[in-house]
Amino acid sequence: MKRMLCLTVILLLLCSYAIADPIGFGYVNNTDVALRRGIGGKVLVRLPQNTGVWVKESKTDSQGTLWYHINAGANVEYTNVDFDGWMKAEFIDAGDALWHDIVSISASRTGLIALRKDGTTLTVGRLIVSRDGTRWVPPTQEFSYAQVSQVVADNSNGYAVLTQDGRFTYSIGNPSAENLRLIGGSETLFGITRGGELLSLLQRIPMSWIHPASGLNAEGLSHITKMAGSYSRLLLLSVEGQVYTVFLQKDLDDAPEPAWETWNHVKDISGGWIRLYPGRHDSAAYVAVRDDGTVLAAPLALNDLIGNWTGMKQIELNVYFILGLKEDGTAVSVSRVSEAPDVSAWKDVVAIGCGSDYCVGLKKDGTLVFAGEHVFMGEGHNRK
């Protein structure tokens, strides 16, 4: 009898296993689905179709049914409520079943947008309602793969799409532009036209050049391949690997200006806000990867964190942590004020992105890997 009891316990343990790494963002695929306190337990709430969820782990019960442990932000009359519980996996689209055939990703504090091979987009983020009552309308199906060149998630709760013919579409309100070649930024979005003009796309922001002081002419701007920055500085990376800098407004920390002329032989840049010390305000910060795989950082305090990184391919700066992609397809993360998401198991990654407390990696096979934990409040109705 005792032996039989032991075998039963072992079988139950084998049937109730967990996947340690989070499956990441997903969506409820049926209406009026029960979220339960535990596997098969008391109903907490019923989530509507397309509610965006963060899938933390999976387990199978003694009957062999697969369950997901999720966070969900359900928006009822624009009032956000955070739920944590269990739901049968059959009611959720997530993981490789959802994030597949991806060719490009962009993440921000408030959202993630992915571009698939067939030109369709997947987005997850807050339910956006602008001051004038305009709701987020996702990029339309007319954007085929051949027409879309770039997708961007910015920190103003929005998503942007740039088509091959230069059309810019934004998710909040109706900002649009024509004849663009490149878009980028974090706190707000900027564009470079095919005619070589630098534009502030979402609001009029006075711009003046820091390096070079004389600015870049149309020919110089035609060499820019990426833009990043914070509320106070915009960084532009040229095909030759030189970083140029635009002044937007005074830095809150009044920090010394980095020697931007030494930011050369660079292959990737990132910028935004970062929490340097517990309990302190966020500071504007900038990071870059050089051709030899070493990194540059401003302010200098960031060198304590990433100054010894080598073999790097891409770098992403976040308020609470910094994420780095290495040439061998693995990743590293570090933070000064909190526990950074664990990306030690990542491999075969070709691009990265990060939000407030999660990060995402695009793999060679077009699927995504996730680390950290996050719930974007609001219904995930913005799925296409």
Protein backbone atom coordinates (compact mmCIF):
# COMPACT_ATOMS: atom_id res chain seq x y z
CA MET A 1 0.00 0.00 0.00
CA LYS A 2 2.81 2.37 0.93
CA ARG A 3 4.64 1.50 -2.29
CA MET A 4 1.50 2.19 -4.31
CA LEU A 5 1.10 5.56 -2.61
CA CYS A 6 4.71 6.50 -3.43
CA LEU A 7 4.21 5.56 -7.09
CA THR A 8 1.05 7.65 -7.22
CA VAL A 9 2.87 10.69 -5.79
CA ILE A 10 5.72 10.27 -8.28
CA LEU A 11 3.27 10.06 -11.19
CA LEU A 12 1.48 13.18 -10.05
CA LEU A 13 4.76 15.05 -9.78
CA LEU A 14 5.74 13.93 -13.26
CA CYS A 15 2.37 15.05 -14.63
CA SER A 16 2.60 18.45 -12.94
CA TYR A 17 5.74 19.97 -14.37
CA ALA A 18 6.58 23.63 -14.95
CA ILE A 19 8.44 25.41 -17.69
CA ALA A 20 10.71 27.80 -15.81
CA ASP A 21 11.18 30.33 -18.60
CA PRO A 22 8.16 32.56 -19.30
CA ILE A 23 6.31 31.90 -22.53
CA GLY A 24 5.76 35.64 -22.85
CA PHE A 25 2.90 37.65 -24.26
CA GLY A 26 -0.26 36.03 -25.50
CA TYR A 27 -3.98 36.60 -26.03
CA VAL A 28 -7.20 35.05 -24.80
CA ASN A 29 -8.73 33.40 -27.86
CA ASN A 30 -12.28 32.71 -26.55
CA THR A 31 -14.87 34.98 -24.99
CA ASP A 32 -15.86 34.77 -21.34
CA VAL A 33 -13.00 32.50 -20.27
CA ALA A 34 -12.50 31.82 -16.57
CA LEU A 35 -9.24 32.81 -14.89
CA ARG A 36 -8.85 30.68 -11.76
CA ARG A 37 -6.97 31.16 -8.51
CA GLY A 38 -5.23 27.81 -8.96
CA ILE A 39 -5.33 24.92 -11.40
CA GLY A 40 -9.00 23.96 -11.42
CA GLY A 41 -9.64 26.32 -8.50
CA LYS A 42 -12.06 29.13 -7.72
CA VAL A 43 -12.90 31.52 -10.56
CA LEU A 44 -11.31 34.95 -10.09
CA VAL A 45 -12.67 36.69 -13.17
CA ARG A 46 -13.82 35.98 -16.72
CA LEU A 47 -11.55 37.53 -19.31
CA PRO A 48 -12.91 38.69 -22.68
CA GLN A 49 -11.54 37.63 -26.06
CA ASN A 50 -8.24 39.24 -27.12
CA THR A 51 -7.28 40.26 -23.57
CA GLY A 52 -3.49 40.62 -23.55
CA VAL A 53 -1.80 38.32 -21.02
CA TRP A 54 1.72 37.60 -19.78
CA VAL A 55 2.25 33.83 -19.62
CA LYS A 56 4.60 33.12 -16.73
CA GLU A 57 4.78 29.32 -16.76
CA SER A 58 2.91 26.16 -17.75
CA LYS A 59 1.88 23.03 -15.89
CA THR A 60 -0.10 19.91 -16.65
CA ASP A 61 -2.58 18.60 -14.12
CA SER A 62 -3.13 14.97 -13.13
CA GLN A 63 -5.53 14.57 -16.07
CA GLY A 64 -2.89 15.67 -18.56
CA THR A 65 -4.52 19.07 -19.28
CA LEU A 66 -2.08 21.91 -19.92
CA TRP A 67 -2.57 25.12 -17.91
CA TYR A 68 -0.91 28.54 -18.12
CA HIS A 69 -0.09 30.74 -15.14
CA ILE A 70 -0.78 34.27 -16.35
CA ASN A 71 -0.98 37.92 -15.44
CA ALA A 72 -3.80 39.74 -17.18
CA GLY A 73 -4.74 43.38 -17.39
CA ALA A 74 -8.49 43.50 -17.96
CA ASN A 75 -9.86 46.87 -18.98
CA VAL A 76 -13.49 47.44 -18.06
CA GLU A 77 -14.70 50.95 -18.89
CA TYR A 78 -11.04 52.03 -19.05
CA THR A 79 -10.38 51.01 -15.44
CA ASN A 80 -7.29 48.81 -15.25
CA VAL A 81 -7.33 45.82 -12.91
CA ASP A 82 -4.40 43.42 -12.57
CA PHE A 83 -5.24 39.71 -12.28
CA ASP A 84 -2.95 36.76 -11.57
CA GLY A 85 -4.18 33.18 -11.96
CA TRP A 86 -4.44 30.02 -14.04
CA MET A 87 -6.23 29.31 -17.31
CA LYS A 88 -6.40 26.28 -19.57
CA ALA A 89 -3.80 26.62 -22.31
CA GLU A 90 -6.38 25.85 -24.98
CA PHE A 91 -7.89 29.30 -24.37
CA ILE A 92 -4.64 31.22 -24.95
CA ASP A 93 -2.57 31.90 -28.06
CA ALA A 94 1.04 32.23 -26.95
CA GLY A 95 4.58 31.08 -27.57
CA ASP A 96 5.57 29.62 -30.92
CA ALA A 97 1.90 29.27 -31.85
CA LEU A 98 1.64 33.05 -31.91
CA TRP A 99 5.11 34.55 -32.32
CA HIS A 100 6.43 32.90 -35.46
CA ASP A 101 7.87 33.97 -38.82
CA ILE A 102 9.01 37.23 -37.18
CA VAL A 103 11.56 39.32 -39.07
CA SER A 104 11.67 42.47 -36.95
CA ILE A 105 10.75 43.54 -33.41
CA SER A 106 10.60 46.79 -31.46
CA ALA A 107 9.84 47.08 -27.74
CA SER A 108 9.25 50.00 -25.41
CA ARG A 109 8.12 50.63 -21.84
CA THR A 110 4.50 50.26 -22.88
CA GLY A 111 4.35 47.96 -25.86
CA LEU A 112 5.83 45.45 -28.28
CA ILE A 113 5.34 45.31 -32.04
CA ALA A 114 6.53 42.50 -34.31
CA LEU A 115 6.60 42.29 -38.10
CA ARG A 116 6.03 38.93 -39.77
CA LYS A 117 7.27 37.69 -43.13
CA ASP A 118 3.82 38.01 -44.64
CA GLY A 119 3.61 41.68 -43.66
CA THR A 120 1.12 41.24 -40.80
CA THR A 121 1.91 42.75 -37.43
CA LEU A 122 1.40 41.63 -33.86
CA THR A 123 1.20 44.20 -31.09
CA VAL A 124 0.65 43.96 -27.38
CA GLY A 125 0.31 46.93 -25.08
CA ARG A 126 -2.03 49.21 -23.26
CA LEU A 127 -5.46 50.10 -24.49
CA ILE A 128 -4.68 53.52 -25.89
CA VAL A 129 -7.22 56.30 -25.71
CA SER A 130 -5.84 59.72 -26.60
CA ARG A 131 -7.15 62.98 -25.20
CA ASP A 132 -9.38 63.50 -28.19
CA GLY A 133 -10.88 60.03 -27.72
CA THR A 134 -9.08 58.45 -30.66
CA ARG A 135 -8.39 54.75 -30.19
CA TRP A 136 -5.40 52.84 -31.46
CA VAL A 137 -6.02 51.41 -34.93
CA PRO A 138 -3.39 48.85 -35.94
CA PRO A 139 -1.56 48.98 -39.27
CA THR A 140 -3.95 47.76 -41.94
CA GLN A 141 -3.60 44.54 -43.88
CA GLU A 142 -2.67 46.49 -47.03
CA PHE A 143 0.89 46.68 -45.69
CA SER A 144 2.35 43.60 -47.35
CA TYR A 145 5.85 42.39 -46.56
CA ALA A 146 7.22 44.03 -49.67
CA GLN A 147 5.78 47.36 -48.55
CA VAL A 148 6.84 47.50 -44.89
CA SER A 149 10.39 48.50 -44.07
CA GLN A 150 10.33 49.35 -40.37
CA VAL A 151 8.22 48.99 -37.20
CA VAL A 152 8.82 51.03 -34.04
CA ALA A 153 7.32 51.00 -30.53
CA ASP A 154 7.97 54.25 -28.71
CA ASN A 155 7.63 55.23 -25.05
CA SER A 156 4.59 57.42 -25.69
CA ASN A 157 2.32 54.34 -25.85
CA GLY A 158 2.41 54.25 -29.63
CA TYR A 159 3.44 52.08 -32.56
CA ALA A 160 4.74 53.31 -35.89
CA VAL A 161 5.01 51.68 -39.31
CA LEU A 162 7.12 52.88 -42.24
CA THR A 163 6.36 51.47 -45.68
CA GLN A 164 8.76 50.92 -48.55
CA ASP A 165 7.23 53.85 -50.42
CA GLY A 166 7.90 56.20 -47.50
CA ARG A 167 4.50 56.38 -45.78
CA PHE A 168 4.54 56.83 -42.01
CA THR A 169 1.56 55.65 -39.93
CA TYR A 170 1.23 56.11 -36.18
CA SER A 171 -1.15 54.38 -33.78
CA ILE A 172 -2.39 57.35 -31.74
CA GLY A 173 -4.50 59.92 -33.54
CA ASN A 174 -3.65 60.46 -37.17
CA PRO A 175 -0.05 61.70 -37.44
CA SER A 176 1.32 60.78 -40.84
CA ALA A 177 4.08 61.76 -43.22
CA GLU A 178 5.20 60.94 -46.73
CA ASN A 179 8.47 60.27 -48.50
CA LEU A 180 10.36 59.09 -45.40
CA ARG A 181 13.41 56.84 -45.52
CA LEU A 182 13.97 56.16 -41.81
CA ILE A 183 12.15 56.54 -38.49
CA GLY A 184 13.43 56.13 -34.93
CA GLY A 185 13.62 57.46 -31.40
CA SER A 186 12.32 56.49 -27.97
CA GLU A 187 10.62 59.34 -26.11
CA THR A 188 9.32 60.72 -29.39
CA LEU A 189 9.77 59.80 -33.02
CA PHE A 190 11.94 61.39 -35.67
CA GLY A 191 12.17 60.76 -39.37
CA ILE A 192 14.62 61.40 -42.19
CA THR A 193 13.12 62.09 -45.58
CA ARG A 194 14.48 60.75 -48.83
CA GLY A 195 15.41 64.30 -49.63
CA GLY A 196 17.69 64.47 -46.57
CA GLU A 197 15.61 66.42 -44.04
CA LEU A 198 15.41 65.62 -40.31
CA LEU A 199 11.82 65.85 -38.98
CA SER A 200 10.19 65.64 -35.56
CA LEU A 201 7.17 63.49 -36.42
CA LEU A 202 4.82 63.67 -33.43
CA GLN A 203 5.32 67.17 -32.09
CA ARG A 204 7.35 70.20 -32.99
CA ILE A 205 10.58 70.08 -31.01
CA PRO A 206 13.27 72.74 -31.51
CA MET A 207 16.48 71.06 -32.62
CA SER A 208 20.06 72.32 -32.69
CA TRP A 209 23.22 70.41 -33.47
CA ILE A 210 25.85 69.49 -30.88
CA HIS A 211 28.10 67.32 -33.02
CA PRO A 212 28.90 68.42 -35.60
CA ALA A 213 28.14 71.99 -34.58
CA SER A 214 27.44 72.90 -38.19
CA GLY A 215 24.92 70.08 -38.53
CA LEU A 216 24.51 67.51 -41.29
CA ASN A 217 23.44 68.45 -44.78
CA ALA A 218 21.17 66.35 -46.96
CA GLU A 219 24.05 64.17 -48.12
CA GLY A 220 25.15 63.54 -44.54
CA LEU A 221 21.65 62.64 -43.41
CA SER A 222 21.34 60.18 -46.28
CA HIS A 223 24.07 58.11 -44.56
CA ILE A 224 22.16 57.78 -41.27
CA THR A 225 21.03 54.19 -40.56
CA LYS A 226 19.58 54.41 -37.02
CA MET A 227 18.22 57.01 -34.57
CA ALA A 228 17.91 56.73 -30.80
CA GLY A 229 17.98 59.03 -27.80
CA SER A 230 16.25 60.52 -24.78
CA TYR A 231 14.09 63.55 -24.10
CA SER A 232 17.20 65.76 -24.25
CA ARG A 233 19.43 64.34 -26.99
CA LEU A 234 18.86 62.58 -30.30
CA LEU A 235 21.64 60.27 -31.53
CA LEU A 236 22.11 59.47 -35.20
CA LEU A 237 24.30 56.58 -36.37
CA SER A 238 25.86 56.76 -39.83
CA VAL A 239 26.76 53.89 -42.13
CA GLU A 240 30.40 54.84 -41.52
CA GLY A 241 29.95 54.19 -37.79
CA GLN A 242 30.01 57.81 -36.56
CA VAL A 243 27.51 59.01 -33.95
CA TYR A 244 26.11 62.51 -34.42
CA THR A 245 24.11 64.37 -31.76
CA VAL A 246 21.19 66.78 -31.77
CA PHE A 247 20.22 68.98 -28.78
CA LEU A 248 16.48 68.81 -27.98
CA GLN A 249 16.26 70.35 -24.50
CA LYS A 250 18.30 70.82 -21.34
CA ASP A 251 19.33 67.68 -19.50
CA LEU A 252 17.72 67.44 -16.05
CA ASP A 253 20.98 66.26 -14.49
CA ASP A 254 22.99 68.98 -16.20
CA ALA A 255 25.62 66.32 -16.86
CA PRO A 256 28.81 67.08 -18.80
CA GLU A 257 28.43 66.59 -22.54
CA PRO A 258 30.13 63.36 -23.68
CA ALA A 259 32.94 63.66 -26.22
CA TRP A 260 30.66 62.67 -29.09
CA GLU A 261 33.44 63.01 -31.64
CA THR A 262 35.05 59.91 -30.06
CA TRP A 263 31.88 57.86 -30.57
CA ASN A 264 33.08 56.36 -33.84
CA HIS A 265 33.50 52.88 -35.32
CA VAL A 266 30.02 52.20 -33.88
CA LYS A 267 27.54 49.57 -35.14
CA ASP A 268 24.61 50.01 -32.72
CA ILE A 269 23.18 52.69 -30.41
CA SER A 270 20.41 53.01 -27.83
CA GLY A 271 19.17 55.80 -25.60
CA GLY A 272 16.49 56.72 -23.09
CA TRP A 273 16.05 56.84 -19.34
CA ILE A 274 17.82 54.78 -16.68
CA ARG A 275 17.59 54.57 -12.88
CA LEU A 276 21.19 54.91 -11.73
CA TYR A 277 20.58 54.92 -7.97
CA PRO A 278 17.73 53.53 -5.80
CA GLY A 279 15.24 56.21 -4.83
CA ARG A 280 16.64 58.74 -7.29
CA HIS A 281 15.05 60.17 -10.41
CA ASP A 282 15.70 58.63 -13.81
CA SER A 283 18.57 60.01 -15.83
CA ALA A 284 19.04 60.41 -19.57
CA ALA A 285 21.52 57.82 -20.82
CA TYR A 286 23.10 56.56 -24.03
CA VAL A 287 24.97 53.39 -24.97
CA ALA A 288 26.71 52.13 -28.09
CA VAL A 289 28.46 49.05 -29.43
CA ARG A 290 31.68 49.50 -31.38
CA ASP A 291 32.79 47.41 -34.35
CA ASP A 292 35.23 45.52 -32.12
CA GLY A 293 32.41 44.46 -29.76
CA THR A 294 33.28 46.82 -26.92
CA VAL A 295 30.79 49.36 -25.57
CA LEU A 296 30.50 53.10 -24.92
CA ALA A 297 28.25 54.63 -22.27
CA ALA A 298 27.10 58.01 -20.99
CA PRO A 299 26.89 59.09 -18.22
CA LEU A 300 30.15 57.61 -17.01
CA ALA A 301 28.43 55.81 -14.12
CA LEU A 302 27.16 53.29 -16.66
CA ASN A 303 30.73 52.17 -17.33
CA ASP A 304 30.68 50.48 -13.93
CA LEU A 305 27.96 48.21 -15.30
CA ILE A 306 28.91 47.50 -18.89
CA GLY A 307 32.40 48.88 -19.39
CA ASN A 308 33.89 45.38 -19.50
CA TRP A 309 31.40 43.93 -21.99
CA THR A 310 33.05 42.45 -25.08
CA GLY A 311 31.96 40.50 -28.13
CA MET A 312 28.73 42.51 -28.33
CA LYS A 313 26.45 42.90 -31.36
CA GLN A 314 23.49 44.98 -30.11
CA ILE A 315 22.59 46.86 -26.93
CA GLU A 316 19.27 48.09 -25.52
CA LEU A 317 18.90 50.54 -22.66
CA ASN A 318 15.93 50.41 -20.30
CA VAL A 319 14.89 52.36 -17.21
CA TYR A 320 15.82 49.50 -14.87
CA PHE A 321 18.34 47.40 -16.77
CA ILE A 322 20.57 47.14 -19.84
CA LEU A 323 20.28 44.23 -22.27
CA GLY A 324 23.09 43.16 -24.56
CA LEU A 325 23.20 40.73 -27.47
CA LYS A 326 26.51 39.00 -28.18
CA GLU A 327 27.85 38.01 -31.58
CA ASP A 328 27.47 34.34 -30.67
CA GLY A 329 23.69 34.72 -30.25
CA THR A 330 23.67 34.72 -26.44
CA ALA A 331 22.59 37.65 -24.26
CA VAL A 332 23.53 39.43 -21.03
CA SER A 333 21.60 41.78 -18.75
CA VAL A 334 22.56 43.96 -15.81
CA SER A 335 20.99 46.52 -13.47
CA ARG A 336 22.09 48.95 -10.77
CA VAL A 337 18.78 49.14 -8.89
CA SER A 338 16.90 45.86 -9.35
CA GLU A 339 17.19 42.28 -10.52
CA ALA A 340 17.66 42.20 -14.27
CA PRO A 341 15.72 39.61 -16.31
CA ASP A 342 17.58 36.31 -16.58
CA VAL A 343 18.63 35.77 -20.19
CA SER A 344 21.42 33.28 -19.49
CA ALA A 345 19.60 30.49 -21.35
CA TRP A 346 19.08 32.45 -24.57
CA LYS A 347 20.81 31.22 -27.71
CA ASP A 348 20.53 31.68 -31.49
CA VAL A 349 19.21 35.24 -30.94
CA VAL A 350 19.67 37.79 -33.73
CA ALA A 351 17.93 40.89 -32.32
CA ILE A 352 16.68 42.14 -28.95
CA GLY A 353 14.26 44.60 -27.35
CA CYS A 354 13.26 45.51 -23.80
CA GLY A 355 10.41 47.10 -21.87
CA SER A 356 10.04 48.23 -18.28
CA ASP A 357 10.50 44.83 -16.68
CA TYR A 358 10.69 42.34 -19.52
CA CYS A 359 12.87 41.71 -22.54
CA VAL A 360 12.45 39.86 -25.81
CA GLY A 361 14.80 38.18 -28.23
CA LEU A 362 14.22 37.36 -31.91
CA LYS A 363 15.68 33.97 -32.83
CA LYS A 364 17.09 32.78 -36.13
CA ASP A 365 14.01 30.65 -36.76
CA GLY A 366 11.64 33.66 -36.51
CA THR A 367 10.28 32.87 -33.04
CA LEU A 368 10.64 34.95 -29.88
CA VAL A 369 12.06 34.27 -26.43
CA PHE A 370 11.08 36.27 -23.35
CA ALA A 371 12.50 37.02 -19.91
CA GLY A 372 11.26 38.98 -16.93
CA GLU A 373 7.60 39.53 -16.14
CA HIS A 374 5.13 42.15 -17.20
CA VAL A 375 1.48 42.82 -17.77
CA PHE A 376 0.43 45.55 -20.17
CA MET A 377 -2.81 46.87 -18.79
CA GLY A 378 -5.73 46.96 -21.17
CA GLU A 379 -7.41 44.61 -23.58
CA GLY A 380 -5.13 43.19 -26.23
CA HIS A 381 -7.64 44.06 -28.95
CA ASN A 382 -4.85 45.49 -31.11
CA ARG A 383 -3.93 42.11 -32.55
CA LYS A 384 -3.94 41.71 -36.35
